[in-house]
Amino acid sequence: GSGGFRKRKHDNFSHGQRREEKENVNPPSALMTSFKSFQLELDTRHDKYERLVKLSRDITIESKRTIFLLHRFASAPNGKEILNESEVKLDAVRQKIKQVAQELIGEDMYQFHKAISPGLQEYVEAVSFQYFIKTRSLISVEEINKQLIFTAEDREETTNMTSNSHDKQPHTWSLKVTPVDYLLGVADLTGELMRLCISSVGNGDIDTPFELSQFLRQIYDGFTFIGNTGPYEVSKKLYTLKQSLAKVENACYTLKVRGFEIPKHMLADVFSSKTELIDQEEGLP
């Protein structure tokens, strides 16, 4: 039939040929030109978002490795070497954050905040953990942001930037940790301090649990001032913070009441068993 003939005749031309002939017949209108520019802009933004997700994943991994390294401080014979090695690791993490800051030049950070937030939270947790081991205090968000100001140290990089007069890129990059990321990182810090308490007791350190108990109580009191008025993620982690505080206080109670009865090498086992009982009572896995 004629319909089949037309179909076979239509198939003799490739898809690219038909599209090219169609574009030649109908030249692109202003509307199509606008949509093509929108497509290019969205593709560019999506590619940048994916690059930031990968950088955030690398920041998270390296920050976790730094935290694992710092947990060896309680049992290491020379804690200064652990702190120096952790500083080297954190410098490597900051180089990753520098790449994030370069990606966000001229962009609204909050449009890409969801991509970089997990990495920044883990970095805050690692930095605050190291700072507590050094000073027995909590690092401020201003101090963290001071460490995230980067300069173009490479001469070639500087000359390329100055030679290009059209791209007015600054010689310094900075990335500010938002208050929400800071609070979430500090909330995660409490879990690491609880583990530090258990490991310290296992090594025969009786003073550290009481310092941690007082410190965690101050953090918990600060979070309670925020209450339900803060972001949902902050109020959600308040429950986990309360559990970490309860475990540390239970360890201090055991030390105070039965510390002289139980040998030091068995105290960690007692705390671990009591921690499991608390988790079962609260319905935690």
C-alpha atoms as a PDB file:
ATOM      1  CA  GLY A   1       0.000   0.000   0.000  1.00  0.00           C
ATOM      2  CA  SER A   2       0.949   3.621  -0.259  1.00  0.00           C
ATOM      3  CA  GLY A   3       1.435   3.864   3.517  1.00  0.00           C
ATOM      4  CA  GLY A   4       4.047   1.137   3.519  1.00  0.00           C
ATOM      5  CA  PHE A   5       5.813   2.690   0.555  1.00  0.00           C
ATOM      6  CA  ARG A   6       6.060   6.008   2.294  1.00  0.00           C
ATOM      7  CA  LYS A   7       7.468   4.305   5.412  1.00  0.00           C
ATOM      8  CA  ARG A   8      10.151   2.476   3.447  1.00  0.00           C
ATOM      9  CA  LYS A   9      11.047   5.617   1.577  1.00  0.00           C
ATOM     10  CA  HIS A  10      11.288   7.510   4.872  1.00  0.00           C
ATOM     11  CA  ASP A  11      13.655   4.902   6.296  1.00  0.00           C
ATOM     12  CA  ASN A  12      16.143   5.424   3.488  1.00  0.00           C
ATOM     13  CA  PHE A  13      17.312   8.621   5.214  1.00  0.00           C
ATOM     14  CA  SER A  14      19.259   8.581   8.457  1.00  0.00           C
ATOM     15  CA  HIS A  15      18.051  10.341  11.599  1.00  0.00           C
ATOM     16  CA  GLY A  16      20.831  12.901  11.364  1.00  0.00           C
ATOM     17  CA  GLN A  17      19.935  13.745   7.768  1.00  0.00           C
ATOM     18  CA  ARG A  18      16.285  14.269   8.631  1.00  0.00           C
ATOM     19  CA  ARG A  19      17.174  16.487  11.586  1.00  0.00           C
ATOM     20  CA  GLU A  20      19.605  18.559   9.481  1.00  0.00           C
ATOM     21  CA  GLU A  21      17.040  19.030   6.712  1.00  0.00           C
ATOM     22  CA  LYS A  22      14.434  20.016   9.307  1.00  0.00           C
ATOM     23  CA  GLU A  23      16.748  22.621  10.788  1.00  0.00           C
ATOM     24  CA  ASN A  24      17.529  23.972   7.315  1.00  0.00           C
ATOM     25  CA  VAL A  25      13.850  24.297   6.525  1.00  0.00           C
ATOM     26  CA  ASN A  26      12.998  25.873   9.898  1.00  0.00           C
ATOM     27  CA  PRO A  27      15.835  28.126  11.099  1.00  0.00           C
ATOM     28  CA  PRO A  28      16.231  28.309  14.898  1.00  0.00           C
ATOM     29  CA  SER A  29      13.941  30.826  16.479  1.00  0.00           C
ATOM     30  CA  ALA A  30      14.744  33.071  19.424  1.00  0.00           C
ATOM     31  CA  LEU A  31      12.813  30.715  21.673  1.00  0.00           C
ATOM     32  CA  MET A  32      14.873  27.685  20.636  1.00  0.00           C
ATOM     33  CA  THR A  33      18.078  29.663  21.081  1.00  0.00           C
ATOM     34  CA  SER A  34      17.030  30.574  24.612  1.00  0.00           C
ATOM     35  CA  PHE A  35      16.236  26.972  25.477  1.00  0.00           C
ATOM     36  CA  LYS A  36      19.611  25.822  24.142  1.00  0.00           C
ATOM     37  CA  SER A  37      21.334  28.360  26.390  1.00  0.00           C
ATOM     38  CA  PHE A  38      19.239  27.113  29.317  1.00  0.00           C
ATOM     39  CA  GLN A  39      20.266  23.544  28.503  1.00  0.00           C
ATOM     40  CA  LEU A  40      23.943  24.501  28.452  1.00  0.00           C
ATOM     41  CA  GLU A  41      23.630  26.339  31.763  1.00  0.00           C
ATOM     42  CA  LEU A  42      21.840  23.437  33.458  1.00  0.00           C
ATOM     43  CA  ASP A  43      24.351  20.886  32.141  1.00  0.00           C
ATOM     44  CA  THR A  44      27.232  23.026  33.413  1.00  0.00           C
ATOM     45  CA  ARG A  45      25.593  23.382  36.822  1.00  0.00           C
ATOM     46  CA  HIS A  46      24.890  19.654  37.030  1.00  0.00           C
ATOM     47  CA  ASP A  47      28.501  18.782  36.164  1.00  0.00           C
ATOM     48  CA  LYS A  48      29.751  21.166  38.858  1.00  0.00           C
ATOM     49  CA  TYR A  49      27.349  19.638  41.381  1.00  0.00           C
ATOM     50  CA  GLU A  50      28.692  16.155  40.622  1.00  0.00           C
ATOM     51  CA  ARG A  51      32.284  17.323  41.008  1.00  0.00           C
ATOM     52  CA  LEU A  52      31.419  18.850  44.383  1.00  0.00           C
ATOM     53  CA  VAL A  53      29.763  15.597  45.501  1.00  0.00           C
ATOM     54  CA  LYS A  54      32.961  13.689  44.687  1.00  0.00           C
ATOM     55  CA  LEU A  55      35.110  16.241  46.527  1.00  0.00           C
ATOM     56  CA  SER A  56      32.784  16.083  49.533  1.00  0.00           C
ATOM     57  CA  ARG A  57      33.098  12.295  49.570  1.00  0.00           C
ATOM     58  CA  ASP A  58      36.901  12.567  49.561  1.00  0.00           C
ATOM     59  CA  ILE A  59      36.766  15.116  52.397  1.00  0.00           C
ATOM     60  CA  THR A  60      34.547  12.775  54.407  1.00  0.00           C
ATOM     61  CA  ILE A  61      36.848   9.789  53.924  1.00  0.00           C
ATOM     62  CA  GLU A  62      40.035  11.664  54.850  1.00  0.00           C
ATOM     63  CA  SER A  63      38.372  13.288  57.865  1.00  0.00           C
ATOM     64  CA  LYS A  64      37.240   9.878  59.143  1.00  0.00           C
ATOM     65  CA  ARG A  65      40.779   8.562  58.790  1.00  0.00           C
ATOM     66  CA  THR A  66      42.007  11.522  60.831  1.00  0.00           C
ATOM     67  CA  ILE A  67      39.473  10.715  63.571  1.00  0.00           C
ATOM     68  CA  PHE A  68      40.565   7.075  63.631  1.00  0.00           C
ATOM     69  CA  LEU A  69      44.160   8.227  63.955  1.00  0.00           C
ATOM     70  CA  LEU A  70      43.338  10.571  66.849  1.00  0.00           C
ATOM     71  CA  HIS A  71      41.723   7.721  68.775  1.00  0.00           C
ATOM     72  CA  ARG A  72      45.199   6.207  69.057  1.00  0.00           C
ATOM     73  CA  PHE A  73      46.289   9.233  71.088  1.00  0.00           C
ATOM     74  CA  ALA A  74      45.073   7.722  74.371  1.00  0.00           C
ATOM     75  CA  SER A  75      47.169   4.572  73.970  1.00  0.00           C
ATOM     76  CA  ALA A  76      50.148   5.933  72.016  1.00  0.00           C
ATOM     77  CA  PRO A  77      53.437   6.253  73.927  1.00  0.00           C
ATOM     78  CA  ASN A  78      54.201   9.536  72.164  1.00  0.00           C
ATOM     79  CA  GLY A  79      51.012  11.495  71.574  1.00  0.00           C
ATOM     80  CA  LYS A  80      52.836  14.395  69.921  1.00  0.00           C
ATOM     81  CA  GLU A  81      53.617  12.252  66.882  1.00  0.00           C
ATOM     82  CA  ILE A  82      49.925  11.389  66.542  1.00  0.00           C
ATOM     83  CA  LEU A  83      48.979  15.072  66.644  1.00  0.00           C
ATOM     84  CA  ASN A  84      51.621  15.963  64.049  1.00  0.00           C
ATOM     85  CA  GLU A  85      50.435  13.207  61.755  1.00  0.00           C
ATOM     86  CA  SER A  86      46.821  14.306  62.194  1.00  0.00           C
ATOM     87  CA  GLU A  87      47.793  17.872  61.264  1.00  0.00           C
ATOM     88  CA  VAL A  88      49.324  16.589  58.018  1.00  0.00           C
ATOM     89  CA  LYS A  89      46.109  14.729  57.229  1.00  0.00           C
ATOM     90  CA  LEU A  90      43.985  17.782  57.980  1.00  0.00           C
ATOM     91  CA  ASP A  91      46.176  19.896  55.692  1.00  0.00           C
ATOM     92  CA  ALA A  92      45.436  17.402  52.914  1.00  0.00           C
ATOM     93  CA  VAL A  93      41.728  17.728  53.692  1.00  0.00           C
ATOM     94  CA  ARG A  94      41.995  21.522  53.460  1.00  0.00           C
ATOM     95  CA  GLN A  95      43.488  21.174  49.992  1.00  0.00           C
ATOM     96  CA  LYS A  96      40.330  19.330  48.980  1.00  0.00           C
ATOM     97  CA  ILE A  97      38.263  22.113  50.536  1.00  0.00           C
ATOM     98  CA  LYS A  98      40.342  24.595  48.541  1.00  0.00           C
ATOM     99  CA  GLN A  99      39.203  22.851  45.355  1.00  0.00           C
ATOM    100  CA  VAL A 100      35.620  23.208  46.564  1.00  0.00           C
ATOM    101  CA  ALA A 101      36.185  26.921  47.158  1.00  0.00           C
ATOM    102  CA  GLN A 102      37.586  27.296  43.644  1.00  0.00           C
ATOM    103  CA  GLU A 103      34.551  25.551  42.182  1.00  0.00           C
ATOM    104  CA  LEU A 104      32.264  27.970  44.025  1.00  0.00           C
ATOM    105  CA  ILE A 105      33.922  31.179  42.808  1.00  0.00           C
ATOM    106  CA  GLY A 106      31.155  33.391  41.477  1.00  0.00           C
ATOM    107  CA  GLU A 107      28.461  30.940  42.578  1.00  0.00           C
ATOM    108  CA  ASP A 108      25.884  30.999  45.326  1.00  0.00           C
ATOM    109  CA  MET A 109      27.193  28.470  47.847  1.00  0.00           C
ATOM    110  CA  TYR A 110      23.718  27.632  49.108  1.00  0.00           C
ATOM    111  CA  GLN A 111      22.720  26.292  45.691  1.00  0.00           C
ATOM    112  CA  PHE A 112      25.416  23.626  46.105  1.00  0.00           C
ATOM    113  CA  HIS A 113      25.258  23.348  49.897  1.00  0.00           C
ATOM    114  CA  LYS A 114      23.596  19.937  49.867  1.00  0.00           C
ATOM    115  CA  ALA A 115      26.512  18.525  47.870  1.00  0.00           C
ATOM    116  CA  ILE A 116      29.265  19.748  50.211  1.00  0.00           C
ATOM    117  CA  SER A 117      27.494  19.657  53.593  1.00  0.00           C
ATOM    118  CA  PRO A 118      28.400  16.026  54.556  1.00  0.00           C
ATOM    119  CA  GLY A 119      32.084  16.664  53.958  1.00  0.00           C
ATOM    120  CA  LEU A 120      32.092  19.931  55.911  1.00  0.00           C
ATOM    121  CA  GLN A 121      30.344  18.289  58.869  1.00  0.00           C
ATOM    122  CA  GLU A 122      32.920  15.503  58.983  1.00  0.00           C
ATOM    123  CA  TYR A 123      35.743  18.037  58.717  1.00  0.00           C
ATOM    124  CA  VAL A 124      34.306  20.039  61.640  1.00  0.00           C
ATOM    125  CA  GLU A 125      34.137  16.824  63.647  1.00  0.00           C
ATOM    126  CA  ALA A 126      37.785  15.973  62.919  1.00  0.00           C
ATOM    127  CA  VAL A 127      39.095  19.494  63.585  1.00  0.00           C
ATOM    128  CA  SER A 128      37.128  19.897  66.807  1.00  0.00           C
ATOM    129  CA  PHE A 129      38.284  16.464  68.011  1.00  0.00           C
ATOM    130  CA  GLN A 130      41.917  17.376  67.446  1.00  0.00           C
ATOM    131  CA  TYR A 131      41.384  20.773  69.081  1.00  0.00           C
ATOM    132  CA  PHE A 132      39.832  19.182  72.153  1.00  0.00           C
ATOM    133  CA  ILE A 133      42.733  16.759  72.557  1.00  0.00           C
ATOM    134  CA  LYS A 134      45.139  19.697  72.422  1.00  0.00           C
ATOM    135  CA  THR A 135      43.309  22.271  74.533  1.00  0.00           C
ATOM    136  CA  ARG A 136      40.429  20.444  76.291  1.00  0.00           C
ATOM    137  CA  SER A 137      38.043  23.057  74.863  1.00  0.00           C
ATOM    138  CA  LEU A 138      35.702  23.511  71.900  1.00  0.00           C
ATOM    139  CA  ILE A 139      36.895  25.228  68.750  1.00  0.00           C
ATOM    140  CA  SER A 140      34.749  28.103  67.493  1.00  0.00           C
ATOM    141  CA  VAL A 141      33.266  28.392  64.022  1.00  0.00           C
ATOM    142  CA  GLU A 142      35.299  31.585  63.485  1.00  0.00           C
ATOM    143  CA  GLU A 143      38.535  29.704  64.178  1.00  0.00           C
ATOM    144  CA  ILE A 144      37.518  26.986  61.720  1.00  0.00           C
ATOM    145  CA  ASN A 145      36.749  29.531  59.006  1.00  0.00           C
ATOM    146  CA  LYS A 146      40.118  31.219  59.542  1.00  0.00           C
ATOM    147  CA  GLN A 147      41.778  27.962  58.512  1.00  0.00           C
ATOM    148  CA  LEU A 148      39.717  27.856  55.309  1.00  0.00           C
ATOM    149  CA  ILE A 149      41.195  30.970  53.687  1.00  0.00           C
ATOM    150  CA  PHE A 150      43.503  29.943  50.846  1.00  0.00           C
ATOM    151  CA  THR A 151      45.980  31.893  48.744  1.00  0.00           C
ATOM    152  CA  ALA A 152      47.493  31.204  45.336  1.00  0.00           C
ATOM    153  CA  GLU A 153      50.936  29.984  46.360  1.00  0.00           C
ATOM    154  CA  ASP A 154      51.844  28.589  42.951  1.00  0.00           C
ATOM    155  CA  ARG A 155      53.585  31.206  40.794  1.00  0.00           C
ATOM    156  CA  GLU A 156      52.296  29.715  37.556  1.00  0.00           C
ATOM    157  CA  GLU A 157      48.764  29.761  38.884  1.00  0.00           C
ATOM    158  CA  THR A 158      49.153  33.414  39.870  1.00  0.00           C
ATOM    159  CA  THR A 159      50.546  34.456  36.492  1.00  0.00           C
ATOM    160  CA  ASN A 160      47.725  32.697  34.673  1.00  0.00           C
ATOM    161  CA  MET A 161      45.194  34.539  36.786  1.00  0.00           C
ATOM    162  CA  THR A 162      46.830  37.969  36.332  1.00  0.00           C
ATOM    163  CA  SER A 163      47.362  37.511  32.581  1.00  0.00           C
ATOM    164  CA  ASN A 164      43.685  36.837  31.998  1.00  0.00           C
ATOM    165  CA  SER A 165      42.146  40.287  32.340  1.00  0.00           C
ATOM    166  CA  HIS A 166      38.628  39.131  31.548  1.00  0.00           C
ATOM    167  CA  ASP A 167      38.409  36.682  34.483  1.00  0.00           C
ATOM    168  CA  LYS A 168      38.596  38.811  37.582  1.00  0.00           C
ATOM    169  CA  GLN A 169      39.271  35.934  39.938  1.00  0.00           C
ATOM    170  CA  PRO A 170      40.656  36.779  43.374  1.00  0.00           C
ATOM    171  CA  HIS A 171      44.056  35.627  44.557  1.00  0.00           C
ATOM    172  CA  THR A 172      42.456  34.205  47.684  1.00  0.00           C
ATOM    173  CA  TRP A 173      39.665  31.686  48.123  1.00  0.00           C
ATOM    174  CA  SER A 174      37.613  31.107  51.200  1.00  0.00           C
ATOM    175  CA  LEU A 175      34.866  28.723  52.198  1.00  0.00           C
ATOM    176  CA  LYS A 176      32.784  29.474  55.263  1.00  0.00           C
ATOM    177  CA  VAL A 177      31.316  26.680  57.345  1.00  0.00           C
ATOM    178  CA  THR A 178      27.665  27.479  57.972  1.00  0.00           C
ATOM    179  CA  PRO A 179      26.340  27.528  61.558  1.00  0.00           C
ATOM    180  CA  VAL A 180      24.200  24.458  60.819  1.00  0.00           C
ATOM    181  CA  ASP A 181      27.185  22.442  59.556  1.00  0.00           C
ATOM    182  CA  TYR A 182      29.153  23.536  62.619  1.00  0.00           C
ATOM    183  CA  LEU A 183      26.410  22.429  65.015  1.00  0.00           C
ATOM    184  CA  LEU A 184      25.976  19.091  63.268  1.00  0.00           C
ATOM    185  CA  GLY A 185      29.727  18.486  63.355  1.00  0.00           C
ATOM    186  CA  VAL A 186      29.888  19.293  67.076  1.00  0.00           C
ATOM    187  CA  ALA A 187      26.950  16.956  67.710  1.00  0.00           C
ATOM    188  CA  ASP A 188      28.871  14.147  65.987  1.00  0.00           C
ATOM    189  CA  LEU A 189      31.935  15.054  68.058  1.00  0.00           C
ATOM    190  CA  THR A 190      30.152  13.926  71.219  1.00  0.00           C
ATOM    191  CA  GLY A 191      30.099  10.339  69.970  1.00  0.00           C
ATOM    192  CA  GLU A 192      33.860  10.393  69.439  1.00  0.00           C
ATOM    193  CA  LEU A 193      34.376  11.845  72.922  1.00  0.00           C
ATOM    194  CA  MET A 194      32.302   9.009  74.379  1.00  0.00           C
ATOM    195  CA  ARG A 195      34.581   6.487  72.650  1.00  0.00           C
ATOM    196  CA  LEU A 196      37.608   8.420  73.900  1.00  0.00           C
ATOM    197  CA  CYS A 197      36.228   8.100  77.437  1.00  0.00           C
ATOM    198  CA  ILE A 198      35.970   4.303  77.186  1.00  0.00           C
ATOM    199  CA  SER A 199      39.424   3.914  75.649  1.00  0.00           C
ATOM    200  CA  SER A 200      40.974   6.234  78.258  1.00  0.00           C
ATOM    201  CA  VAL A 201      39.584   4.155  81.101  1.00  0.00           C
ATOM    202  CA  GLY A 202      40.863   1.009  79.436  1.00  0.00           C
ATOM    203  CA  ASN A 203      44.338   2.556  79.477  1.00  0.00           C
ATOM    204  CA  GLY A 204      44.066   3.382  83.186  1.00  0.00           C
ATOM    205  CA  ASP A 205      43.301   7.092  82.770  1.00  0.00           C
ATOM    206  CA  ILE A 206      40.802   7.952  85.514  1.00  0.00           C
ATOM    207  CA  ASP A 207      40.765  11.757  85.136  1.00  0.00           C
ATOM    208  CA  THR A 208      39.745  12.033  81.472  1.00  0.00           C
ATOM    209  CA  PRO A 209      36.189  10.605  81.899  1.00  0.00           C
ATOM    210  CA  PHE A 210      35.317  13.267  84.478  1.00  0.00           C
ATOM    211  CA  GLU A 211      36.666  16.021  82.199  1.00  0.00           C
ATOM    212  CA  LEU A 212      34.667  14.615  79.303  1.00  0.00           C
ATOM    213  CA  SER A 213      31.530  14.384  81.409  1.00  0.00           C
ATOM    214  CA  GLN A 214      31.686  18.053  82.347  1.00  0.00           C
ATOM    215  CA  PHE A 215      32.524  19.074  78.781  1.00  0.00           C
ATOM    216  CA  LEU A 216      29.676  17.057  77.260  1.00  0.00           C
ATOM    217  CA  ARG A 217      27.260  18.459  79.842  1.00  0.00           C
ATOM    218  CA  GLN A 218      28.149  21.992  78.713  1.00  0.00           C
ATOM    219  CA  ILE A 219      27.617  21.068  75.063  1.00  0.00           C
ATOM    220  CA  TYR A 220      24.286  19.457  75.859  1.00  0.00           C
ATOM    221  CA  ASP A 221      23.165  22.528  77.807  1.00  0.00           C
ATOM    222  CA  GLY A 222      24.074  24.676  74.813  1.00  0.00           C
ATOM    223  CA  PHE A 223      22.046  22.515  72.440  1.00  0.00           C
ATOM    224  CA  THR A 224      19.040  22.581  74.749  1.00  0.00           C
ATOM    225  CA  PHE A 225      18.954  26.377  74.420  1.00  0.00           C
ATOM    226  CA  ILE A 226      18.359  25.880  70.693  1.00  0.00           C
ATOM    227  CA  GLY A 227      15.586  23.360  71.290  1.00  0.00           C
ATOM    228  CA  ASN A 228      13.049  22.940  68.511  1.00  0.00           C
ATOM    229  CA  THR A 229      13.671  26.401  67.121  1.00  0.00           C
ATOM    230  CA  GLY A 230      16.737  25.267  65.169  1.00  0.00           C
ATOM    231  CA  PRO A 231      16.919  23.198  61.984  1.00  0.00           C
ATOM    232  CA  TYR A 232      15.423  19.724  61.953  1.00  0.00           C
ATOM    233  CA  GLU A 233      18.808  18.016  61.618  1.00  0.00           C
ATOM    234  CA  VAL A 234      20.085  19.695  64.797  1.00  0.00           C
ATOM    235  CA  SER A 235      17.105  18.672  66.920  1.00  0.00           C
ATOM    236  CA  LYS A 236      17.346  15.161  65.478  1.00  0.00           C
ATOM    237  CA  LYS A 237      20.952  14.750  66.657  1.00  0.00           C
ATOM    238  CA  LEU A 238      20.128  16.056  70.111  1.00  0.00           C
ATOM    239  CA  TYR A 239      18.870  12.583  71.043  1.00  0.00           C
ATOM    240  CA  THR A 240      22.182  10.962  70.044  1.00  0.00           C
ATOM    241  CA  LEU A 241      24.060  13.625  71.999  1.00  0.00           C
ATOM    242  CA  LYS A 242      21.992  12.807  75.071  1.00  0.00           C
ATOM    243  CA  GLN A 243      22.858   9.118  74.736  1.00  0.00           C
ATOM    244  CA  SER A 244      26.585   9.860  74.537  1.00  0.00           C
ATOM    245  CA  LEU A 245      26.347  12.029  77.640  1.00  0.00           C
ATOM    246  CA  ALA A 246      24.452   9.301  79.519  1.00  0.00           C
ATOM    247  CA  LYS A 247      27.122   6.728  78.695  1.00  0.00           C
ATOM    248  CA  VAL A 248      29.951   8.983  79.869  1.00  0.00           C
ATOM    249  CA  GLU A 249      28.099   9.872  83.066  1.00  0.00           C
ATOM    250  CA  ASN A 250      27.445   6.190  83.690  1.00  0.00           C
ATOM    251  CA  ALA A 251      31.165   5.522  83.283  1.00  0.00           C
ATOM    252  CA  CYS A 252      31.990   8.251  85.785  1.00  0.00           C
ATOM    253  CA  TYR A 253      29.425   6.847  88.213  1.00  0.00           C
ATOM    254  CA  THR A 254      31.007   3.393  87.964  1.00  0.00           C
ATOM    255  CA  LEU A 255      34.441   4.890  88.532  1.00  0.00           C
ATOM    256  CA  LYS A 256      33.290   6.829  91.557  1.00  0.00           C
ATOM    257  CA  VAL A 257      31.404   3.992  93.203  1.00  0.00           C
ATOM    258  CA  ARG A 258      33.330   0.888  92.172  1.00  0.00           C
ATOM    259  CA  GLY A 259      36.560   2.331  90.826  1.00  0.00           C
ATOM    260  CA  PHE A 260      38.621   1.017  93.707  1.00  0.00           C
ATOM    261  CA  GLU A 261      37.002  -2.446  93.640  1.00  0.00           C
ATOM    262  CA  ILE A 262      37.445  -3.241  89.939  1.00  0.00           C
ATOM    263  CA  PRO A 263      40.962  -3.651  88.501  1.00  0.00           C
ATOM    264  CA  LYS A 264      41.859  -1.019  85.937  1.00  0.00           C
ATOM    265  CA  HIS A 265      42.265  -3.515  83.095  1.00  0.00           C
ATOM    266  CA  MET A 266      38.664  -4.677  83.627  1.00  0.00           C
ATOM    267  CA  LEU A 267      37.002  -1.256  83.818  1.00  0.00           C
ATOM    268  CA  ALA A 268      36.650  -0.964  80.038  1.00  0.00           C
ATOM    269  CA  ASP A 269      34.777  -4.298  79.912  1.00  0.00           C
ATOM    270  CA  VAL A 270      32.414  -3.118  82.630  1.00  0.00           C
ATOM    271  CA  PHE A 271      31.697   0.108  80.734  1.00  0.00           C
ATOM    272  CA  SER A 272      31.126  -1.778  77.485  1.00  0.00           C
ATOM    273  CA  SER A 273      28.591  -4.088  79.106  1.00  0.00           C
ATOM    274  CA  LYS A 274      26.784  -1.166  80.745  1.00  0.00           C
ATOM    275  CA  THR A 275      26.734   0.664  77.397  1.00  0.00           C
ATOM    276  CA  GLU A 276      25.055  -2.331  75.775  1.00  0.00           C
ATOM    277  CA  LEU A 277      22.430  -2.357  78.530  1.00  0.00           C
ATOM    278  CA  ILE A 278      21.694   1.340  77.955  1.00  0.00           C
ATOM    279  CA  ASP A 279      21.319   0.736  74.211  1.00  0.00           C
ATOM    280  CA  GLN A 280      18.906  -2.139  74.839  1.00  0.00           C
ATOM    281  CA  GLU A 281      16.812  -0.084  77.212  1.00  0.00           C
ATOM    282  CA  GLU A 282      16.591   2.759  74.708  1.00  0.00           C
ATOM    283  CA  GLY A 283      15.820   0.381  71.862  1.00  0.00           C
ATOM    284  CA  LEU A 284      18.986   1.159  69.904  1.00  0.00           C
ATOM    285  CA  PRO A 285      20.422  -1.500  67.570  1.00  0.00           C
END
